[in-house]
Amino acid sequence: MTRKETLQKLDPKNVIVFDTETTGTNVGGNDEVLSLAVMNIAGDVLFYDTFKPTHRKRWSKAEA
């Protein structure tokens, strides 16, 4: 069975996707999560929230 065939057999309600927006990707630094969404590929939003950053107010690299 091909990868495409395997994926087509999945129930869209059982495949979960996480989407994050962050101030950067430096795990050991002051980068923070700004928003987090969890949904299935059927389009059902299971969780969504935004978070106020506490360490940084601007992130010029992301803005560029």
Protein backbone atom coordinates (compact mmCIF):
# COMPACT_ATOMS: atom_id res chain seq x y z
CA MET A 1 0.00 0.00 0.00
CA THR A 2 1.37 3.44 -0.91
CA ARG A 3 1.67 6.32 1.55
CA LYS A 4 -1.15 8.13 -0.27
CA GLU A 5 -3.44 5.12 0.03
CA THR A 6 -2.62 4.80 3.73
CA LEU A 7 -3.39 8.47 4.34
CA GLN A 8 -6.66 8.27 2.41
CA LYS A 9 -7.87 5.50 4.74
CA LEU A 10 -7.41 7.65 7.87
CA ASP A 11 -10.48 9.08 9.55
CA PRO A 12 -10.05 12.90 9.39
CA LYS A 13 -11.47 13.21 12.88
CA ASN A 14 -8.66 11.04 14.26
CA VAL A 15 -5.74 13.02 12.78
CA ILE A 16 -4.71 15.88 15.07
CA VAL A 17 -2.72 18.93 13.97
CA PHE A 18 -0.96 21.41 16.25
CA ASP A 19 -0.27 24.95 15.01
CA THR A 20 1.84 27.35 17.03
CA GLU A 21 2.91 30.95 16.58
CA THR A 22 5.99 31.92 18.55
CA THR A 23 8.37 34.84 19.03
CA GLY A 24 11.19 32.60 17.78
CA THR A 25 12.67 29.14 18.00
CA ASN A 26 15.35 29.58 20.64
CA VAL A 27 14.30 27.00 23.23
CA GLY A 28 16.87 28.06 25.81
CA GLY A 29 16.26 31.78 25.31
CA ASN A 30 13.35 34.09 25.87
CA ASP A 31 11.21 32.97 22.92
CA GLU A 32 7.60 32.27 23.79
CA VAL A 33 4.41 30.77 22.40
CA LEU A 34 1.98 33.45 21.19
CA SER A 35 -0.86 31.20 20.04
CA LEU A 36 -1.71 27.53 19.99
CA ALA A 37 -4.35 25.79 17.93
CA VAL A 38 -5.25 22.11 17.99
CA MET A 39 -7.60 20.76 15.36
CA ASN A 40 -8.34 17.65 13.40
CA ILE A 41 -7.98 17.58 9.64
CA ALA A 42 -11.75 17.53 9.27
CA GLY A 43 -11.55 21.19 10.35
CA ASP A 44 -12.92 20.85 13.89
CA VAL A 45 -11.11 23.25 16.24
CA LEU A 46 -10.42 21.36 19.45
CA PHE A 47 -8.47 24.13 21.20
CA TYR A 48 -7.38 27.67 20.37
CA ASP A 49 -5.91 30.35 22.59
CA THR A 50 -3.50 33.25 22.48
CA PHE A 51 -0.89 34.05 25.08
CA LYS A 52 0.61 37.36 26.13
CA PRO A 53 4.41 37.25 25.96
CA THR A 54 6.13 38.09 29.21
CA HIS A 55 9.78 38.35 28.13
CA ARG A 56 9.62 40.24 24.84
CA LYS A 57 7.36 42.88 23.37
CA ARG A 58 8.86 42.93 19.85
CA TRP A 59 10.58 40.34 17.68
CA SER A 60 12.13 42.07 14.68
CA LYS A 61 13.22 38.90 12.85
CA ALA A 62 9.65 37.58 12.75
CA GLU A 63 8.27 40.97 11.75
CA ALA A 64 10.72 41.13 8.82
